[in-house]
Amino acid sequence: MRGAKEWVRVSDHTRTRVGAVQVLWKCPFSDGQYVSECAWEGAILDNCPFHPEGGCGVEKLGTYPRVEPPGALIPRFWCPREGASISLLPSFLAARFRGTLDSVEDAVAAVELTGSIEAAVDTVHPPDVEAPLGFEAAVRSIHRRVVAVHTVLLALVTLLPEHFTGVAPTLVGFRERLGPGRILLRARELAERHLRALSAPFGFRPRGST
């Protein structure tokens, strides 16, 4: 019987900075399973994003850690012909944000439910957890997520009119169209071909680009 680590593969890519590429890994694990199974050890890069025809000698480079979930490592490969690294981001993780897409979505959903960032602070950053954020820091953290997610949802309405014409660029609006459940992960699958044009935490558009 083949183990899960033998068949997980990756697809799509986008340049994130000079000398580096980020690739979306359609990882079938939850964040907890990803860590407990050490799933990065079995990651497979089917094709070099720079040289899909092959022959460039792409090889495993190692890993780098994520702060959240604790213990998670991100696999990397190296293309010697391009002189660039290729990192494989599991599909459940947010890009350039701490944590998972689900945790980002939860923060934005709390704001939409309560009606304001300030009212959502205790829900998103409970004061009884170890080393809690101060109120102002929590507000800034949530605000960054709200702006980022609503920006992406607005872009999706434009990029995917076959799915989202007339949909309000909010989680509530997208749930009315897609049904209940996790929106960002499902929308990321629908928008896979556009990820290089979409910003964090959803897509891989480089910082500072338009």
C-alpha atoms as a PDB file:
ATOM      1  CA  MET A   1       0.000   0.000   0.000  1.00  0.00           C
ATOM      2  CA  ARG A   2       1.394   3.351  -0.966  1.00  0.00           C
ATOM      3  CA  GLY A   3       1.757   5.891   1.817  1.00  0.00           C
ATOM      4  CA  ALA A   4       0.294   9.376   1.558  1.00  0.00           C
ATOM      5  CA  LYS A   5       3.761  10.863   1.354  1.00  0.00           C
ATOM      6  CA  GLU A   6       4.363   9.117  -1.969  1.00  0.00           C
ATOM      7  CA  TRP A   7       1.611  10.770  -3.990  1.00  0.00           C
ATOM      8  CA  VAL A   8       1.147  14.356  -2.861  1.00  0.00           C
ATOM      9  CA  ARG A   9       2.110  16.668  -5.714  1.00  0.00           C
ATOM     10  CA  VAL A  10       2.075  20.335  -6.612  1.00  0.00           C
ATOM     11  CA  SER A  11       0.814  22.531  -9.411  1.00  0.00           C
ATOM     12  CA  ASP A  12       0.755  26.151 -10.584  1.00  0.00           C
ATOM     13  CA  HIS A  13       3.445  28.694  -9.747  1.00  0.00           C
ATOM     14  CA  THR A  14       4.305  32.340  -9.627  1.00  0.00           C
ATOM     15  CA  ARG A  15       7.465  34.342  -9.150  1.00  0.00           C
ATOM     16  CA  THR A  16       7.507  35.922  -5.689  1.00  0.00           C
ATOM     17  CA  ARG A  17      10.849  37.733  -5.723  1.00  0.00           C
ATOM     18  CA  VAL A  18      14.087  37.705  -7.661  1.00  0.00           C
ATOM     19  CA  GLY A  19      15.538  34.206  -7.462  1.00  0.00           C
ATOM     20  CA  ALA A  20      12.456  32.590  -5.898  1.00  0.00           C
ATOM     21  CA  VAL A  21       9.150  31.060  -6.965  1.00  0.00           C
ATOM     22  CA  GLN A  22       6.207  29.961  -4.875  1.00  0.00           C
ATOM     23  CA  VAL A  23       4.142  26.971  -5.966  1.00  0.00           C
ATOM     24  CA  LEU A  24       0.669  26.019  -4.780  1.00  0.00           C
ATOM     25  CA  TRP A  25       0.727  22.524  -3.322  1.00  0.00           C
ATOM     26  CA  LYS A  26      -2.701  20.895  -3.378  1.00  0.00           C
ATOM     27  CA  CYS A  27      -2.000  19.158  -0.125  1.00  0.00           C
ATOM     28  CA  PRO A  28      -4.734  16.721   1.018  1.00  0.00           C
ATOM     29  CA  PHE A  29      -3.939  17.177   4.713  1.00  0.00           C
ATOM     30  CA  SER A  30      -5.271  19.459   7.425  1.00  0.00           C
ATOM     31  CA  ASP A  31      -2.700  21.579   9.234  1.00  0.00           C
ATOM     32  CA  GLY A  32      -2.545  19.121  12.119  1.00  0.00           C
ATOM     33  CA  GLN A  33      -2.123  16.127   9.820  1.00  0.00           C
ATOM     34  CA  TYR A  34       0.487  17.980   7.806  1.00  0.00           C
ATOM     35  CA  VAL A  35       2.661  18.329  10.902  1.00  0.00           C
ATOM     36  CA  SER A  36       1.978  14.916  12.429  1.00  0.00           C
ATOM     37  CA  GLU A  37       2.643  13.140   9.112  1.00  0.00           C
ATOM     38  CA  CYS A  38       5.686  15.297   8.263  1.00  0.00           C
ATOM     39  CA  ALA A  39       4.042  15.611   4.859  1.00  0.00           C
ATOM     40  CA  TRP A  40       6.785  17.852   3.472  1.00  0.00           C
ATOM     41  CA  GLU A  41       9.085  14.829   3.371  1.00  0.00           C
ATOM     42  CA  GLY A  42       6.989  13.333   0.562  1.00  0.00           C
ATOM     43  CA  ALA A  43       6.416  16.475  -1.491  1.00  0.00           C
ATOM     44  CA  ILE A  44       6.989  15.942  -5.228  1.00  0.00           C
ATOM     45  CA  LEU A  45       7.646  18.664  -7.769  1.00  0.00           C
ATOM     46  CA  ASP A  46       6.276  17.283 -11.031  1.00  0.00           C
ATOM     47  CA  ASN A  47       7.735  19.987 -13.234  1.00  0.00           C
ATOM     48  CA  CYS A  48      10.168  22.825 -12.785  1.00  0.00           C
ATOM     49  CA  PRO A  49       8.087  26.006 -13.192  1.00  0.00           C
ATOM     50  CA  PHE A  50      10.950  27.570 -15.168  1.00  0.00           C
ATOM     51  CA  HIS A  51      11.596  24.548 -17.382  1.00  0.00           C
ATOM     52  CA  PRO A  52       8.453  22.408 -17.676  1.00  0.00           C
ATOM     53  CA  GLU A  53      10.127  20.507 -20.505  1.00  0.00           C
ATOM     54  CA  GLY A  54      12.658  19.158 -17.982  1.00  0.00           C
ATOM     55  CA  GLY A  55      16.393  18.746 -18.198  1.00  0.00           C
ATOM     56  CA  CYS A  56      17.333  21.549 -15.792  1.00  0.00           C
ATOM     57  CA  GLY A  57      18.438  19.290 -12.940  1.00  0.00           C
ATOM     58  CA  VAL A  58      15.933  20.590 -10.377  1.00  0.00           C
ATOM     59  CA  GLU A  59      16.604  19.049  -6.970  1.00  0.00           C
ATOM     60  CA  LYS A  60      15.446  19.206  -3.365  1.00  0.00           C
ATOM     61  CA  LEU A  61      16.916  22.143  -1.473  1.00  0.00           C
ATOM     62  CA  GLY A  62      15.584  21.568   2.026  1.00  0.00           C
ATOM     63  CA  THR A  63      12.867  23.218   4.100  1.00  0.00           C
ATOM     64  CA  TYR A  64      12.097  26.365   6.047  1.00  0.00           C
ATOM     65  CA  PRO A  65       9.806  26.683   9.100  1.00  0.00           C
ATOM     66  CA  ARG A  66       6.423  28.344   9.456  1.00  0.00           C
ATOM     67  CA  VAL A  67       5.539  29.982  12.753  1.00  0.00           C
ATOM     68  CA  GLU A  68       2.022  28.544  12.510  1.00  0.00           C
ATOM     69  CA  PRO A  69       1.095  25.775  12.638  1.00  0.00           C
ATOM     70  CA  PRO A  70       3.927  24.938  15.063  1.00  0.00           C
ATOM     71  CA  GLY A  71       6.328  22.391  13.673  1.00  0.00           C
ATOM     72  CA  ALA A  72       5.340  22.895  10.033  1.00  0.00           C
ATOM     73  CA  LEU A  73       8.119  22.988   7.447  1.00  0.00           C
ATOM     74  CA  ILE A  74       7.812  24.182   3.859  1.00  0.00           C
ATOM     75  CA  PRO A  75       9.669  22.112   1.254  1.00  0.00           C
ATOM     76  CA  ARG A  76      11.921  23.826  -1.262  1.00  0.00           C
ATOM     77  CA  PHE A  77      13.562  22.819  -4.499  1.00  0.00           C
ATOM     78  CA  TRP A  78      16.400  24.372  -6.467  1.00  0.00           C
ATOM     79  CA  CYS A  79      16.703  24.972 -10.194  1.00  0.00           C
ATOM     80  CA  PRO A  80      20.432  25.298 -10.991  1.00  0.00           C
ATOM     81  CA  ARG A  81      19.830  26.515 -14.533  1.00  0.00           C
ATOM     82  CA  GLU A  82      17.628  29.395 -13.336  1.00  0.00           C
ATOM     83  CA  GLY A  83      19.552  29.919 -10.100  1.00  0.00           C
ATOM     84  CA  ALA A  84      16.260  30.096  -8.203  1.00  0.00           C
ATOM     85  CA  SER A  85      14.545  28.317  -5.344  1.00  0.00           C
ATOM     86  CA  ILE A  86      11.007  26.946  -5.560  1.00  0.00           C
ATOM     87  CA  SER A  87       8.948  26.733  -2.377  1.00  0.00           C
ATOM     88  CA  LEU A  88       5.827  24.587  -2.131  1.00  0.00           C
ATOM     89  CA  LEU A  89       3.046  26.249  -0.126  1.00  0.00           C
ATOM     90  CA  PRO A  90       0.358  23.812   1.098  1.00  0.00           C
ATOM     91  CA  SER A  91      -3.027  24.990  -0.137  1.00  0.00           C
ATOM     92  CA  PHE A  92      -4.454  25.378   3.380  1.00  0.00           C
ATOM     93  CA  LEU A  93      -1.812  27.910   4.442  1.00  0.00           C
ATOM     94  CA  ALA A  94      -2.066  31.674   4.027  1.00  0.00           C
ATOM     95  CA  ALA A  95       0.578  33.318   1.849  1.00  0.00           C
ATOM     96  CA  ARG A  96       2.774  35.862   3.692  1.00  0.00           C
ATOM     97  CA  PHE A  97       0.389  35.813   6.672  1.00  0.00           C
ATOM     98  CA  ARG A  98       0.720  33.747   9.815  1.00  0.00           C
ATOM     99  CA  GLY A  99      -1.425  30.661  10.056  1.00  0.00           C
ATOM    100  CA  THR A 100      -3.961  29.060   7.772  1.00  0.00           C
ATOM    101  CA  LEU A 101      -6.409  30.505   5.293  1.00  0.00           C
ATOM    102  CA  ASP A 102      -9.128  29.320   7.658  1.00  0.00           C
ATOM    103  CA  SER A 103      -7.722  31.393  10.535  1.00  0.00           C
ATOM    104  CA  VAL A 104      -7.610  34.469   8.308  1.00  0.00           C
ATOM    105  CA  GLU A 105     -11.168  33.781   7.204  1.00  0.00           C
ATOM    106  CA  ASP A 106     -12.308  33.401  10.821  1.00  0.00           C
ATOM    107  CA  ALA A 107     -10.946  36.850  11.668  1.00  0.00           C
ATOM    108  CA  VAL A 108     -12.729  38.506   8.752  1.00  0.00           C
ATOM    109  CA  ALA A 109     -15.944  36.584   9.433  1.00  0.00           C
ATOM    110  CA  ALA A 110     -15.903  37.823  13.035  1.00  0.00           C
ATOM    111  CA  VAL A 111     -15.697  41.426  11.830  1.00  0.00           C
ATOM    112  CA  GLU A 112     -18.525  40.940   9.349  1.00  0.00           C
ATOM    113  CA  LEU A 113     -20.650  39.326  12.066  1.00  0.00           C
ATOM    114  CA  THR A 114     -20.022  41.911  14.786  1.00  0.00           C
ATOM    115  CA  GLY A 115     -19.973  44.921  12.477  1.00  0.00           C
ATOM    116  CA  SER A 116     -16.616  46.364  13.525  1.00  0.00           C
ATOM    117  CA  ILE A 117     -13.006  45.407  14.070  1.00  0.00           C
ATOM    118  CA  GLU A 118     -13.052  46.634  17.662  1.00  0.00           C
ATOM    119  CA  ALA A 119     -16.053  44.452  18.498  1.00  0.00           C
ATOM    120  CA  ALA A 120     -14.321  41.403  17.020  1.00  0.00           C
ATOM    121  CA  VAL A 121     -11.053  41.737  18.972  1.00  0.00           C
ATOM    122  CA  ASP A 122     -11.971  39.449  21.865  1.00  0.00           C
ATOM    123  CA  THR A 123     -13.247  36.793  19.455  1.00  0.00           C
ATOM    124  CA  VAL A 124     -10.193  36.816  17.205  1.00  0.00           C
ATOM    125  CA  HIS A 125      -7.597  37.406  19.945  1.00  0.00           C
ATOM    126  CA  PRO A 126      -9.062  36.076  23.236  1.00  0.00           C
ATOM    127  CA  PRO A 127      -7.592  37.959  26.212  1.00  0.00           C
ATOM    128  CA  ASP A 128      -7.152  34.773  28.273  1.00  0.00           C
ATOM    129  CA  VAL A 129      -4.637  33.124  25.940  1.00  0.00           C
ATOM    130  CA  GLU A 130      -0.943  33.027  26.737  1.00  0.00           C
ATOM    131  CA  ALA A 131       0.880  36.230  25.688  1.00  0.00           C
ATOM    132  CA  PRO A 132      -2.232  38.013  24.324  1.00  0.00           C
ATOM    133  CA  LEU A 133      -1.888  40.909  21.912  1.00  0.00           C
ATOM    134  CA  GLY A 134      -2.635  44.362  23.219  1.00  0.00           C
ATOM    135  CA  PHE A 135      -5.845  45.939  21.971  1.00  0.00           C
ATOM    136  CA  GLU A 136      -4.214  48.292  19.464  1.00  0.00           C
ATOM    137  CA  ALA A 137      -1.969  45.563  18.067  1.00  0.00           C
ATOM    138  CA  ALA A 138      -4.972  43.262  17.745  1.00  0.00           C
ATOM    139  CA  VAL A 139      -6.929  45.937  15.872  1.00  0.00           C
ATOM    140  CA  ARG A 140      -4.051  46.440  13.425  1.00  0.00           C
ATOM    141  CA  SER A 141      -3.680  42.694  12.897  1.00  0.00           C
ATOM    142  CA  ILE A 142      -7.383  42.194  12.186  1.00  0.00           C
ATOM    143  CA  HIS A 143      -7.571  45.298   9.990  1.00  0.00           C
ATOM    144  CA  ARG A 144      -4.756  43.967   7.815  1.00  0.00           C
ATOM    145  CA  ARG A 145      -6.633  40.707   7.299  1.00  0.00           C
ATOM    146  CA  VAL A 146      -9.951  42.387   6.559  1.00  0.00           C
ATOM    147  CA  VAL A 147      -8.444  44.698   3.957  1.00  0.00           C
ATOM    148  CA  ALA A 148      -6.468  41.867   2.339  1.00  0.00           C
ATOM    149  CA  VAL A 149      -9.411  39.467   2.122  1.00  0.00           C
ATOM    150  CA  HIS A 150     -11.934  42.022   0.882  1.00  0.00           C
ATOM    151  CA  THR A 151      -9.413  43.171  -1.742  1.00  0.00           C
ATOM    152  CA  VAL A 152      -9.034  39.600  -2.978  1.00  0.00           C
ATOM    153  CA  LEU A 153     -12.783  38.971  -3.005  1.00  0.00           C
ATOM    154  CA  LEU A 154     -13.320  42.119  -5.065  1.00  0.00           C
ATOM    155  CA  ALA A 155     -10.662  40.927  -7.514  1.00  0.00           C
ATOM    156  CA  LEU A 156     -12.355  37.536  -7.787  1.00  0.00           C
ATOM    157  CA  VAL A 157     -15.661  39.147  -8.703  1.00  0.00           C
ATOM    158  CA  THR A 158     -13.845  40.774 -11.633  1.00  0.00           C
ATOM    159  CA  LEU A 159     -11.631  37.834 -12.623  1.00  0.00           C
ATOM    160  CA  LEU A 160     -14.292  35.122 -12.382  1.00  0.00           C
ATOM    161  CA  PRO A 161     -17.538  36.641 -13.635  1.00  0.00           C
ATOM    162  CA  GLU A 162     -18.834  33.176 -14.529  1.00  0.00           C
ATOM    163  CA  HIS A 163     -18.918  32.420 -10.800  1.00  0.00           C
ATOM    164  CA  PHE A 164     -19.295  35.752  -9.018  1.00  0.00           C
ATOM    165  CA  THR A 165     -21.077  38.358 -11.146  1.00  0.00           C
ATOM    166  CA  GLY A 166     -23.281  40.411  -8.841  1.00  0.00           C
ATOM    167  CA  VAL A 167     -21.783  38.939  -5.669  1.00  0.00           C
ATOM    168  CA  ALA A 168     -20.859  41.345  -2.870  1.00  0.00           C
ATOM    169  CA  PRO A 169     -17.087  41.158  -2.153  1.00  0.00           C
ATOM    170  CA  THR A 170     -17.602  39.886   1.396  1.00  0.00           C
ATOM    171  CA  LEU A 171     -17.547  36.467   2.986  1.00  0.00           C
ATOM    172  CA  VAL A 172     -21.296  36.755   3.498  1.00  0.00           C
ATOM    173  CA  GLY A 173     -21.771  37.509  -0.186  1.00  0.00           C
ATOM    174  CA  PHE A 174     -19.568  34.630  -1.306  1.00  0.00           C
ATOM    175  CA  ARG A 175     -21.293  32.200   1.068  1.00  0.00           C
ATOM    176  CA  GLU A 176     -24.623  33.165  -0.433  1.00  0.00           C
ATOM    177  CA  ARG A 177     -23.263  32.098  -3.819  1.00  0.00           C
ATOM    178  CA  LEU A 178     -21.065  29.129  -2.872  1.00  0.00           C
ATOM    179  CA  GLY A 179     -23.007  27.875   0.125  1.00  0.00           C
ATOM    180  CA  PRO A 180     -21.915  27.580   3.762  1.00  0.00           C
ATOM    181  CA  GLY A 181     -18.461  26.449   4.738  1.00  0.00           C
ATOM    182  CA  ARG A 182     -14.922  27.588   4.107  1.00  0.00           C
ATOM    183  CA  ILE A 183     -14.785  30.188   1.351  1.00  0.00           C
ATOM    184  CA  LEU A 184     -11.133  31.118   0.841  1.00  0.00           C
ATOM    185  CA  LEU A 185      -9.869  27.594   0.265  1.00  0.00           C
ATOM    186  CA  ARG A 186     -12.693  26.836  -2.184  1.00  0.00           C
ATOM    187  CA  ALA A 187     -12.232  30.136  -3.980  1.00  0.00           C
ATOM    188  CA  ARG A 188      -8.477  29.527  -4.224  1.00  0.00           C
ATOM    189  CA  GLU A 189      -9.216  26.330  -6.137  1.00  0.00           C
ATOM    190  CA  LEU A 190     -11.559  28.165  -8.518  1.00  0.00           C
ATOM    191  CA  ALA A 191      -9.001  30.935  -9.082  1.00  0.00           C
ATOM    192  CA  GLU A 192      -5.889  28.767  -9.337  1.00  0.00           C
ATOM    193  CA  ARG A 193      -4.896  30.064 -12.778  1.00  0.00           C
ATOM    194  CA  HIS A 194      -5.006  33.643 -11.433  1.00  0.00           C
ATOM    195  CA  LEU A 195      -2.953  33.194  -8.248  1.00  0.00           C
ATOM    196  CA  ARG A 196       0.075  34.994  -9.649  1.00  0.00           C
ATOM    197  CA  ALA A 197      -2.111  38.104 -10.058  1.00  0.00           C
ATOM    198  CA  LEU A 198      -3.780  37.962  -6.640  1.00  0.00           C
ATOM    199  CA  SER A 199      -2.342  39.336  -3.422  1.00  0.00           C
ATOM    200  CA  ALA A 200      -1.667  37.708  -0.051  1.00  0.00           C
ATOM    201  CA  PRO A 201      -2.962  35.911   1.920  1.00  0.00           C
ATOM    202  CA  PHE A 202      -4.765  34.275  -0.984  1.00  0.00           C
ATOM    203  CA  GLY A 203      -2.428  34.557  -3.968  1.00  0.00           C
ATOM    204  CA  PHE A 204       1.254  34.968  -4.713  1.00  0.00           C
ATOM    205  CA  ARG A 205       1.535  38.417  -6.267  1.00  0.00           C
ATOM    206  CA  PRO A 206       4.853  39.982  -5.257  1.00  0.00           C
ATOM    207  CA  ARG A 207       4.791  42.834  -2.760  1.00  0.00           C
ATOM    208  CA  GLY A 208       4.706  46.221  -4.427  1.00  0.00           C
ATOM    209  CA  SER A 209       3.453  44.948  -7.776  1.00  0.00           C
ATOM    210  CA  THR A 210       0.153  46.008  -9.309  1.00  0.00           C
END
